[in-house]
PDB file of all heavy atoms in Angstrom:
ATOM      1  N   ASP A   1       3.794  -3.351  -5.021  1.00  0.00           N
ATOM      2  CA  ASP A   1       4.214  -4.237  -3.992  1.00  0.00           C
ATOM      3  C   ASP A   1       4.296  -3.412  -2.514  1.00  0.00           C
ATOM      4  O   ASP A   1       3.877  -4.029  -1.493  1.00  0.00           O
ATOM      5  CB  ASP A   1       5.737  -4.812  -4.196  1.00  0.00           C
ATOM      6  CG  ASP A   1       5.522  -6.192  -4.884  1.00  0.00           C
ATOM      7  OD1 ASP A   1       4.601  -6.829  -4.692  1.00  0.00           O
ATOM      8  OD2 ASP A   1       6.504  -6.518  -5.639  1.00  0.00           O
ATOM      9  N   LEU A   2       4.623  -2.156  -2.660  1.00  0.00           N
ATOM     10  CA  LEU A   2       4.743  -1.390  -1.460  1.00  0.00           C
ATOM     11  C   LEU A   2       3.371  -1.205  -0.841  1.00  0.00           C
ATOM     12  O   LEU A   2       3.210  -1.447   0.462  1.00  0.00           O
ATOM     13  CB  LEU A   2       5.251   0.087  -1.811  1.00  0.00           C
ATOM     14  CG  LEU A   2       5.393   1.041  -0.653  1.00  0.00           C
ATOM     15  CD1 LEU A   2       6.325   0.431   0.401  1.00  0.00           C
ATOM     16  CD2 LEU A   2       5.912   2.473  -1.086  1.00  0.00           C
ATOM     17  N   THR A   3       2.346  -1.136  -1.702  1.00  0.00           N
ATOM     18  CA  THR A   3       0.949  -1.077  -1.114  1.00  0.00           C
ATOM     19  C   THR A   3       0.602  -2.389  -0.497  1.00  0.00           C
ATOM     20  O   THR A   3      -0.003  -2.387   0.607  1.00  0.00           O
ATOM     21  CB  THR A   3      -0.057  -0.748  -2.191  1.00  0.00           C
ATOM     22  OG1 THR A   3       0.393   0.494  -2.744  1.00  0.00           O
ATOM     23  CG2 THR A   3      -1.544  -0.679  -1.673  1.00  0.00           C
ATOM     24  N   GLN A   4       0.847  -3.463  -1.116  1.00  0.00           N
ATOM     25  CA  GLN A   4       0.368  -4.874  -0.517  1.00  0.00           C
ATOM     26  C   GLN A   4       1.154  -5.240   0.632  1.00  0.00           C
ATOM     27  O   GLN A   4       0.533  -5.752   1.602  1.00  0.00           O
ATOM     28  CB  GLN A   4       0.509  -5.925  -1.605  1.00  0.00           C
ATOM     29  CG  GLN A   4       1.947  -6.491  -1.881  1.00  0.00           C
ATOM     30  CD  GLN A   4       1.852  -7.941  -2.602  1.00  0.00           C
ATOM     31  OE1 GLN A   4       0.605  -8.567  -2.694  1.00  0.00           O
ATOM     32  NE2 GLN A   4       2.884  -8.394  -3.199  1.00  0.00           N
ATOM     33  N   PHE A   5       2.355  -4.827   0.746  1.00  0.00           N
ATOM     34  CA  PHE A   5       3.294  -5.238   1.997  1.00  0.00           C
ATOM     35  C   PHE A   5       2.912  -4.288   3.063  1.00  0.00           C
ATOM     36  O   PHE A   5       2.776  -4.743   4.311  1.00  0.00           O
ATOM     37  CB  PHE A   5       4.747  -5.226   1.628  1.00  0.00           C
ATOM     38  CG  PHE A   5       5.198  -6.287   0.786  1.00  0.00           C
ATOM     39  CD1 PHE A   5       5.998  -6.032  -0.327  1.00  0.00           C
ATOM     40  CD2 PHE A   5       4.788  -7.645   0.899  1.00  0.00           C
ATOM     41  CE1 PHE A   5       6.403  -7.168  -1.183  1.00  0.00           C
ATOM     42  CE2 PHE A   5       5.151  -8.613   0.103  1.00  0.00           C
ATOM     43  CZ  PHE A   5       6.077  -8.407  -0.998  1.00  0.00           C
ATOM     44  N   THR A   6       2.577  -3.039   2.780  1.00  0.00           N
ATOM     45  CA  THR A   6       2.354  -2.075   3.835  1.00  0.00           C
ATOM     46  C   THR A   6       0.902  -2.468   4.563  1.00  0.00           C
ATOM     47  O   THR A   6       0.717  -2.384   5.705  1.00  0.00           O
ATOM     48  CB  THR A   6       2.231  -0.625   3.280  1.00  0.00           C
ATOM     49  OG1 THR A   6       3.435  -0.336   2.750  1.00  0.00           O
ATOM     50  CG2 THR A   6       1.879   0.333   4.419  1.00  0.00           C
ATOM     51  N   LEU A   7       0.015  -2.872   3.614  1.00  0.00           N
ATOM     52  CA  LEU A   7      -1.405  -3.028   4.045  1.00  0.00           C
ATOM     53  C   LEU A   7      -1.619  -4.450   4.338  1.00  0.00           C
ATOM     54  O   LEU A   7      -2.757  -4.844   4.782  1.00  0.00           O
ATOM     55  CB  LEU A   7      -2.467  -2.561   3.134  1.00  0.00           C
ATOM     56  CG  LEU A   7      -2.281  -1.087   2.762  1.00  0.00           C
ATOM     57  CD1 LEU A   7      -3.341  -0.743   1.647  1.00  0.00           C
ATOM     58  CD2 LEU A   7      -2.409  -0.157   3.934  1.00  0.00           C
ATOM     59  N   ALA A   8      -0.735  -5.396   4.120  1.00  0.00           N
ATOM     60  CA  ALA A   8      -0.920  -6.767   4.295  1.00  0.00           C
ATOM     61  C   ALA A   8      -1.941  -7.348   3.509  1.00  0.00           C
ATOM     62  O   ALA A   8      -2.807  -8.170   4.028  1.00  0.00           O
ATOM     63  CB  ALA A   8      -0.987  -7.094   5.863  1.00  0.00           C
ATOM     64  N   VAL A   9      -2.114  -6.910   2.282  1.00  0.00           N
ATOM     65  CA  VAL A   9      -3.159  -7.404   1.387  1.00  0.00           C
ATOM     66  C   VAL A   9      -2.561  -7.868   0.079  1.00  0.00           C
ATOM     67  O   VAL A   9      -1.901  -7.306  -0.611  1.00  0.00           O
ATOM     68  CB  VAL A   9      -4.144  -6.157   0.952  1.00  0.00           C
ATOM     69  CG1 VAL A   9      -5.263  -6.711   0.041  1.00  0.00           C
ATOM     70  CG2 VAL A   9      -4.843  -5.512   2.145  1.00  0.00           C
ATOM     71  N   ASP A  10      -2.918  -9.200  -0.073  1.00  0.00           N
ATOM     72  CA  ASP A  10      -2.334  -9.897  -1.300  1.00  0.00           C
ATOM     73  C   ASP A  10      -3.043  -9.325  -2.576  1.00  0.00           C
ATOM     74  O   ASP A  10      -4.185  -9.491  -2.670  1.00  0.00           O
ATOM     75  CB  ASP A  10      -2.588 -11.363  -1.269  1.00  0.00           C
ATOM     76  CG  ASP A  10      -2.102 -12.240  -2.296  1.00  0.00           C
ATOM     77  OD1 ASP A  10      -1.518 -11.552  -3.274  1.00  0.00           O
ATOM     78  OD2 ASP A  10      -2.346 -13.457  -2.351  1.00  0.00           O
ATOM     79  N   ARG A  11      -2.184  -8.714  -3.358  1.00  0.00           N
ATOM     80  CA  ARG A  11      -2.794  -7.911  -4.561  1.00  0.00           C
ATOM     81  C   ARG A  11      -3.229  -9.072  -5.582  1.00  0.00           C
ATOM     82  O   ARG A  11      -3.831  -8.601  -6.625  1.00  0.00           O
ATOM     83  CB  ARG A  11      -1.762  -7.122  -5.093  1.00  0.00           C
ATOM     84  CG  ARG A  11      -0.460  -7.514  -5.646  1.00  0.00           C
ATOM     85  CD  ARG A  11       0.428  -6.415  -5.991  1.00  0.00           C
ATOM     86  NE  ARG A  11       1.784  -6.719  -6.354  1.00  0.00           N
ATOM     87  CZ  ARG A  11       2.199  -6.829  -7.574  1.00  0.00           C
ATOM     88  NH1 ARG A  11       1.302  -6.557  -8.635  1.00  0.00           N
ATOM     89  NH2 ARG A  11       3.409  -7.185  -7.944  1.00  0.00           N
ATOM     90  N   GLN A  12      -2.932 -10.356  -5.486  1.00  0.00           N
ATOM     91  CA  GLN A  12      -3.333 -11.345  -6.352  1.00  0.00           C
ATOM     92  C   GLN A  12      -4.694 -12.010  -5.907  1.00  0.00           C
ATOM     93  O   GLN A  12      -5.297 -12.814  -6.622  1.00  0.00           O
ATOM     94  CB  GLN A  12      -2.345 -12.529  -6.479  1.00  0.00           C
ATOM     95  CG  GLN A  12      -0.880 -12.078  -6.967  1.00  0.00           C
ATOM     96  CD  GLN A  12      -0.977 -11.494  -8.312  1.00  0.00           C
ATOM     97  OE1 GLN A  12      -1.585 -11.963  -9.246  1.00  0.00           O
ATOM     98  NE2 GLN A  12      -0.189 -10.323  -8.435  1.00  0.00           N
ATOM     99  N   ASN A  13      -5.188 -11.585  -4.724  1.00  0.00           N
ATOM    100  CA  ASN A  13      -6.435 -12.108  -4.150  1.00  0.00           C
ATOM    101  C   ASN A  13      -7.399 -11.295  -4.524  1.00  0.00           C
ATOM    102  O   ASN A  13      -7.747 -10.228  -3.850  1.00  0.00           O
ATOM    103  CB  ASN A  13      -6.208 -12.332  -2.771  1.00  0.00           C
ATOM    104  CG  ASN A  13      -7.559 -13.008  -2.109  1.00  0.00           C
ATOM    105  OD1 ASN A  13      -8.447 -13.115  -2.634  1.00  0.00           O
ATOM    106  ND2 ASN A  13      -7.137 -13.684  -0.904  1.00  0.00           N
ATOM    107  N   ALA A  14      -8.348 -11.544  -5.488  1.00  0.00           N
ATOM    108  CA  ALA A  14      -9.548 -10.723  -5.863  1.00  0.00           C
ATOM    109  C   ALA A  14     -10.597 -10.609  -4.734  1.00  0.00           C
ATOM    110  O   ALA A  14     -11.259  -9.449  -4.692  1.00  0.00           O
ATOM    111  CB  ALA A  14     -10.168 -11.346  -7.161  1.00  0.00           C
ATOM    112  N   GLU A  15     -10.647 -11.471  -3.875  1.00  0.00           N
ATOM    113  CA  GLU A  15     -11.639 -11.516  -2.801  1.00  0.00           C
ATOM    114  C   GLU A  15     -11.430 -10.310  -1.796  1.00  0.00           C
ATOM    115  O   GLU A  15     -12.408  -9.817  -1.097  1.00  0.00           O
ATOM    116  CB  GLU A  15     -11.731 -12.741  -2.007  1.00  0.00           C
ATOM    117  CG  GLU A  15     -12.424 -13.866  -2.806  1.00  0.00           C
ATOM    118  CD  GLU A  15     -12.628 -15.083  -1.996  1.00  0.00           C
ATOM    119  OE1 GLU A  15     -12.628 -14.932  -0.709  1.00  0.00           O
ATOM    120  OE2 GLU A  15     -12.687 -16.157  -2.585  1.00  0.00           O
ATOM    121  N   ILE A  16     -10.221  -9.757  -1.666  1.00  0.00           N
ATOM    122  CA  ILE A  16      -9.827  -8.866  -0.739  1.00  0.00           C
ATOM    123  C   ILE A  16      -9.365  -7.570  -1.438  1.00  0.00           C
ATOM    124  O   ILE A  16      -8.654  -6.696  -0.772  1.00  0.00           O
ATOM    125  CB  ILE A  16      -8.825  -9.249   0.278  1.00  0.00           C
ATOM    126  CG1 ILE A  16      -7.557  -9.796  -0.366  1.00  0.00           C
ATOM    127  CG2 ILE A  16      -9.415 -10.395   1.255  1.00  0.00           C
ATOM    128  CD1 ILE A  16      -6.368 -10.203   0.640  1.00  0.00           C
ATOM    129  N   SER A  17      -9.642  -7.402  -2.800  1.00  0.00           N
ATOM    130  CA  SER A  17      -9.112  -6.335  -3.515  1.00  0.00           C
ATOM    131  C   SER A  17      -9.558  -5.082  -2.952  1.00  0.00           C
ATOM    132  O   SER A  17      -8.973  -3.858  -3.091  1.00  0.00           O
ATOM    133  CB  SER A  17      -9.461  -6.424  -4.914  1.00  0.00           C
ATOM    134  OG  SER A  17     -10.774  -6.591  -5.147  1.00  0.00           O
ATOM    135  N   LYS A  18     -10.792  -4.958  -2.345  1.00  0.00           N
ATOM    136  CA  LYS A  18     -11.449  -3.771  -1.894  1.00  0.00           C
ATOM    137  C   LYS A  18     -10.535  -3.080  -0.640  1.00  0.00           C
ATOM    138  O   LYS A  18     -10.728  -2.027  -0.299  1.00  0.00           O
ATOM    139  CB  LYS A  18     -12.833  -3.913  -1.456  1.00  0.00           C
ATOM    140  CG  LYS A  18     -12.992  -4.894  -0.181  1.00  0.00           C
ATOM    141  CD  LYS A  18     -14.404  -4.887   0.143  1.00  0.00           C
ATOM    142  CE  LYS A  18     -14.685  -5.974   1.298  1.00  0.00           C
ATOM    143  NZ  LYS A  18     -16.154  -6.240   1.667  1.00  0.00           N
ATOM    144  N   PHE A  19      -9.717  -4.046  -0.051  1.00  0.00           N
ATOM    145  CA  PHE A  19      -8.790  -3.623   0.996  1.00  0.00           C
ATOM    146  C   PHE A  19      -7.491  -3.032   0.452  1.00  0.00           C
ATOM    147  O   PHE A  19      -6.740  -2.543   1.313  1.00  0.00           O
ATOM    148  CB  PHE A  19      -8.570  -4.715   1.989  1.00  0.00           C
ATOM    149  CG  PHE A  19      -9.850  -5.170   2.534  1.00  0.00           C
ATOM    150  CD1 PHE A  19     -10.487  -6.472   2.297  1.00  0.00           C
ATOM    151  CD2 PHE A  19     -10.446  -4.437   3.568  1.00  0.00           C
ATOM    152  CE1 PHE A  19     -11.642  -6.829   2.916  1.00  0.00           C
ATOM    153  CE2 PHE A  19     -11.715  -4.776   4.165  1.00  0.00           C
ATOM    154  CZ  PHE A  19     -12.243  -6.100   3.885  1.00  0.00           C
ATOM    155  N   LEU A  20      -7.256  -3.192  -0.778  1.00  0.00           N
ATOM    156  CA  LEU A  20      -5.934  -2.719  -1.433  1.00  0.00           C
ATOM    157  C   LEU A  20      -6.064  -1.277  -1.765  1.00  0.00           C
ATOM    158  O   LEU A  20      -6.419  -0.980  -2.962  1.00  0.00           O
ATOM    159  CB  LEU A  20      -5.628  -3.657  -2.535  1.00  0.00           C
ATOM    160  CG  LEU A  20      -4.151  -3.464  -3.103  1.00  0.00           C
ATOM    161  CD1 LEU A  20      -3.098  -3.966  -2.078  1.00  0.00           C
ATOM    162  CD2 LEU A  20      -4.074  -4.254  -4.269  1.00  0.00           C
ATOM    163  N   ASN A  21      -5.787  -0.404  -0.834  1.00  0.00           N
ATOM    164  CA  ASN A  21      -5.927   1.107  -1.038  1.00  0.00           C
ATOM    165  C   ASN A  21      -4.585   1.745  -1.200  1.00  0.00           C
ATOM    166  O   ASN A  21      -3.923   1.975  -0.405  1.00  0.00           O
ATOM    167  CB  ASN A  21      -6.708   1.655   0.115  1.00  0.00           C
ATOM    168  CG  ASN A  21      -6.859   3.107  -0.046  1.00  0.00           C
ATOM    169  OD1 ASN A  21      -6.685   3.693  -1.119  1.00  0.00           O
ATOM    170  ND2 ASN A  21      -7.130   3.844   1.133  1.00  0.00           N
ATOM    171  N   PRO A  22      -4.227   1.977  -2.515  1.00  0.00           N
ATOM    172  CA  PRO A  22      -2.925   2.625  -2.793  1.00  0.00           C
ATOM    173  C   PRO A  22      -2.878   4.054  -2.254  1.00  0.00           C
ATOM    174  O   PRO A  22      -1.823   4.671  -2.237  1.00  0.00           O
ATOM    175  CB  PRO A  22      -2.837   2.540  -4.403  1.00  0.00           C
ATOM    176  CG  PRO A  22      -4.279   2.636  -4.794  1.00  0.00           C
ATOM    177  CD  PRO A  22      -5.094   1.780  -3.864  1.00  0.00           C
ATOM    178  N   TYR A  23      -4.020   4.605  -1.857  1.00  0.00           N
ATOM    179  CA  TYR A  23      -4.084   5.941  -1.345  1.00  0.00           C
ATOM    180  C   TYR A  23      -3.980   6.141   0.134  1.00  0.00           C
ATOM    181  O   TYR A  23      -4.129   7.113   0.779  1.00  0.00           O
ATOM    182  CB  TYR A  23      -5.264   6.712  -1.878  1.00  0.00           C
ATOM    183  CG  TYR A  23      -5.413   6.562  -3.376  1.00  0.00           C
ATOM    184  CD1 TYR A  23      -6.629   5.870  -3.870  1.00  0.00           C
ATOM    185  CD2 TYR A  23      -4.684   7.149  -4.350  1.00  0.00           C
ATOM    186  CE1 TYR A  23      -6.905   5.605  -5.152  1.00  0.00           C
ATOM    187  CE2 TYR A  23      -4.897   6.975  -5.632  1.00  0.00           C
ATOM    188  CZ  TYR A  23      -5.961   6.252  -6.118  1.00  0.00           C
ATOM    189  OH  TYR A  23      -6.167   6.078  -7.338  1.00  0.00           O
ATOM    190  N   HIS A  24      -3.912   4.862   0.709  1.00  0.00           N
ATOM    191  CA  HIS A  24      -3.724   4.899   2.233  1.00  0.00           C
ATOM    192  C   HIS A  24      -2.609   5.742   2.846  1.00  0.00           C
ATOM    193  O   HIS A  24      -1.577   5.803   2.217  1.00  0.00           O
ATOM    194  CB  HIS A  24      -3.456   3.514   2.630  1.00  0.00           C
ATOM    195  CG  HIS A  24      -3.710   3.063   4.030  1.00  0.00           C
ATOM    196  ND1 HIS A  24      -2.949   3.627   5.115  1.00  0.00           N
ATOM    197  CD2 HIS A  24      -4.722   2.368   4.732  1.00  0.00           C
ATOM    198  CE1 HIS A  24      -3.309   3.144   6.256  1.00  0.00           C
ATOM    199  NE2 HIS A  24      -4.394   2.374   6.015  1.00  0.00           N
ATOM    200  N   HIS A  25      -2.936   6.496   3.774  1.00  0.00           N
ATOM    201  CA  HIS A  25      -2.058   7.471   4.273  1.00  0.00           C
ATOM    202  C   HIS A  25      -0.578   6.743   4.588  1.00  0.00           C
ATOM    203  O   HIS A  25       0.363   7.458   4.538  1.00  0.00           O
ATOM    204  CB  HIS A  25      -2.545   8.044   5.566  1.00  0.00           C
ATOM    205  CG  HIS A  25      -3.645   8.948   5.337  1.00  0.00           C
ATOM    206  ND1 HIS A  25      -4.375   9.696   6.226  1.00  0.00           N
ATOM    207  CD2 HIS A  25      -4.210   9.496   4.014  1.00  0.00           C
ATOM    208  CE1 HIS A  25      -5.309  10.510   5.735  1.00  0.00           C
ATOM    209  NE2 HIS A  25      -5.264  10.354   4.294  1.00  0.00           N
ATOM    210  N   ALA A  26      -0.574   5.571   5.116  1.00  0.00           N
ATOM    211  CA  ALA A  26       0.536   4.890   5.459  1.00  0.00           C
ATOM    212  C   ALA A  26       1.477   4.752   4.116  1.00  0.00           C
ATOM    213  O   ALA A  26       2.678   4.889   4.164  1.00  0.00           O
ATOM    214  CB  ALA A  26       0.254   3.507   5.904  1.00  0.00           C
ATOM    215  N   VAL A  27       0.821   4.406   2.995  1.00  0.00           N
ATOM    216  CA  VAL A  27       1.582   4.246   1.659  1.00  0.00           C
ATOM    217  C   VAL A  27       2.250   5.688   1.305  1.00  0.00           C
ATOM    218  O   VAL A  27       3.399   5.759   1.007  1.00  0.00           O
ATOM    219  CB  VAL A  27       0.609   3.704   0.567  1.00  0.00           C
ATOM    220  CG1 VAL A  27       1.401   3.670  -0.736  1.00  0.00           C
ATOM    221  CG2 VAL A  27       0.159   2.271   0.983  1.00  0.00           C
ATOM    222  N   ILE A  28       1.315   6.658   1.437  1.00  0.00           N
ATOM    223  CA  ILE A  28       1.729   8.005   1.028  1.00  0.00           C
ATOM    224  C   ILE A  28       2.864   8.459   1.841  1.00  0.00           C
ATOM    225  O   ILE A  28       3.856   9.157   1.344  1.00  0.00           O
ATOM    226  CB  ILE A  28       0.642   8.940   1.018  1.00  0.00           C
ATOM    227  CG1 ILE A  28      -0.409   8.477  -0.097  1.00  0.00           C
ATOM    228  CG2 ILE A  28       1.014  10.436   0.844  1.00  0.00           C
ATOM    229  CD1 ILE A  28      -1.720   9.320  -0.104  1.00  0.00           C
ATOM    230  N   ARG A  29       2.816   8.308   3.282  1.00  0.00           N
ATOM    231  CA  ARG A  29       3.837   8.652   4.124  1.00  0.00           C
ATOM    232  C   ARG A  29       5.169   7.949   3.817  1.00  0.00           C
ATOM    233  O   ARG A  29       6.294   8.600   3.909  1.00  0.00           O
ATOM    234  CB  ARG A  29       3.449   8.422   5.534  1.00  0.00           C
ATOM    235  CG  ARG A  29       2.473   9.434   5.916  1.00  0.00           C
ATOM    236  CD  ARG A  29       1.973   9.083   7.475  1.00  0.00           C
ATOM    237  NE  ARG A  29       0.932  10.038   7.837  1.00  0.00           N
ATOM    238  CZ  ARG A  29       0.353   9.943   9.063  1.00  0.00           C
ATOM    239  NH1 ARG A  29       0.814   9.160  10.081  1.00  0.00           N
ATOM    240  NH2 ARG A  29      -0.610  10.720   9.387  1.00  0.00           N
ATOM    241  N   LEU A  30       5.178   6.673   3.348  1.00  0.00           N
ATOM    242  CA  LEU A  30       6.287   5.951   2.993  1.00  0.00           C
ATOM    243  C   LEU A  30       6.889   6.494   1.684  1.00  0.00           C
ATOM    244  O   LEU A  30       8.215   6.626   1.611  1.00  0.00           O
ATOM    245  CB  LEU A  30       6.042   4.438   2.847  1.00  0.00           C
ATOM    246  CG  LEU A  30       5.794   3.674   4.125  1.00  0.00           C
ATOM    247  CD1 LEU A  30       5.326   2.273   3.882  1.00  0.00           C
ATOM    248  CD2 LEU A  30       6.954   3.725   5.032  1.00  0.00           C
ATOM    249  N   ILE A  31       6.068   6.989   0.801  1.00  0.00           N
ATOM    250  CA  ILE A  31       6.603   7.602  -0.424  1.00  0.00           C
ATOM    251  C   ILE A  31       7.330   8.951  -0.115  1.00  0.00           C
ATOM    252  O   ILE A  31       8.300   9.136  -0.572  1.00  0.00           O
ATOM    253  CB  ILE A  31       5.525   7.699  -1.445  1.00  0.00           C
ATOM    254  CG1 ILE A  31       4.910   6.433  -1.892  1.00  0.00           C
ATOM    255  CG2 ILE A  31       5.871   8.526  -2.633  1.00  0.00           C
ATOM    256  CD1 ILE A  31       3.695   6.567  -2.867  1.00  0.00           C
ATOM    257  N   GLU A  32       6.669   9.757   0.785  1.00  0.00           N
ATOM    258  CA  GLU A  32       7.147  10.979   1.103  1.00  0.00           C
ATOM    259  C   GLU A  32       8.485  10.818   1.942  1.00  0.00           C
ATOM    260  O   GLU A  32       9.451  11.550   1.574  1.00  0.00           O
ATOM    261  CB  GLU A  32       6.198  11.721   2.131  1.00  0.00           C
ATOM    262  CG  GLU A  32       4.839  12.216   1.413  1.00  0.00           C
ATOM    263  CD  GLU A  32       3.946  12.818   2.411  1.00  0.00           C
ATOM    264  OE1 GLU A  32       3.879  12.233   3.541  1.00  0.00           O
ATOM    265  OE2 GLU A  32       3.153  13.777   2.107  1.00  0.00           O
ATOM    266  N   THR A  33       8.574   9.785   2.792  1.00  0.00           N
ATOM    267  CA  THR A  33       9.834   9.465   3.486  1.00  0.00           C
ATOM    268  C   THR A  33      10.914   9.125   2.589  1.00  0.00           C
ATOM    269  O   THR A  33      12.141   9.570   2.578  1.00  0.00           O
ATOM    270  CB  THR A  33       9.712   8.317   4.445  1.00  0.00           C
ATOM    271  OG1 THR A  33       8.657   8.757   5.419  1.00  0.00           O
ATOM    272  CG2 THR A  33      10.925   7.843   5.178  1.00  0.00           C
ATOM    273  N   THR A  34      10.653   8.243   1.518  1.00  0.00           N
ATOM    274  CA  THR A  34      11.647   7.902   0.628  1.00  0.00           C
ATOM    275  C   THR A  34      12.118   9.069  -0.217  1.00  0.00           C
ATOM    276  O   THR A  34      13.412   9.171  -0.532  1.00  0.00           O
ATOM    277  CB  THR A  34      11.096   6.870  -0.307  1.00  0.00           C
ATOM    278  OG1 THR A  34      10.515   5.701   0.470  1.00  0.00           O
ATOM    279  CG2 THR A  34      11.974   6.344  -1.340  1.00  0.00           C
ATOM    280  N   VAL A  35      11.189   9.949  -0.742  1.00  0.00           N
ATOM    281  CA  VAL A  35      11.703  11.085  -1.573  1.00  0.00           C
ATOM    282  C   VAL A  35      12.446  11.932  -0.852  1.00  0.00           C
ATOM    283  O   VAL A  35      13.510  12.505  -1.146  1.00  0.00           O
ATOM    284  CB  VAL A  35      10.380  11.833  -2.181  1.00  0.00           C
ATOM    285  CG1 VAL A  35      10.855  13.041  -2.823  1.00  0.00           C
ATOM    286  CG2 VAL A  35       9.675  10.876  -3.091  1.00  0.00           C
ATOM    287  N   LYS A  36      12.251  12.217   0.526  1.00  0.00           N
ATOM    288  CA  LYS A  36      12.892  13.212   1.198  1.00  0.00           C
ATOM    289  C   LYS A  36      14.291  12.737   1.610  1.00  0.00           C
ATOM    290  O   LYS A  36      15.317  13.434   1.486  1.00  0.00           O
ATOM    291  CB  LYS A  36      12.243  13.459   2.559  1.00  0.00           C
ATOM    292  CG  LYS A  36      12.938  14.406   3.569  1.00  0.00           C
ATOM    293  CD  LYS A  36      12.234  14.470   4.909  1.00  0.00           C
ATOM    294  CE  LYS A  36      12.959  15.616   5.708  1.00  0.00           C
ATOM    295  NZ  LYS A  36      14.479  15.185   6.091  1.00  0.00           N
ATOM    296  N   ASN A  37      14.361  11.419   1.840  1.00  0.00           N
ATOM    297  CA  ASN A  37      15.677  10.872   2.123  1.00  0.00           C
ATOM    298  C   ASN A  37      16.502  10.772   0.889  1.00  0.00           C
ATOM    299  O   ASN A  37      17.858  10.880   0.990  1.00  0.00           O
ATOM    300  CB  ASN A  37      15.524   9.373   2.794  1.00  0.00           C
ATOM    301  CG  ASN A  37      14.917   9.528   4.171  1.00  0.00           C
ATOM    302  OD1 ASN A  37      15.167  10.459   4.860  1.00  0.00           O
ATOM    303  ND2 ASN A  37      14.285   8.391   4.622  1.00  0.00           N
TER     304      ASN A  37
END
């Protein structure tokens, strides 16, 4: 869910699955922020 909400990509929509990138820097930075806090 963190990936789909961060990238505004519905993970249930197969047509746009290529845009659902869990390695996106924004996702990784949010994980880093969460762990640090």
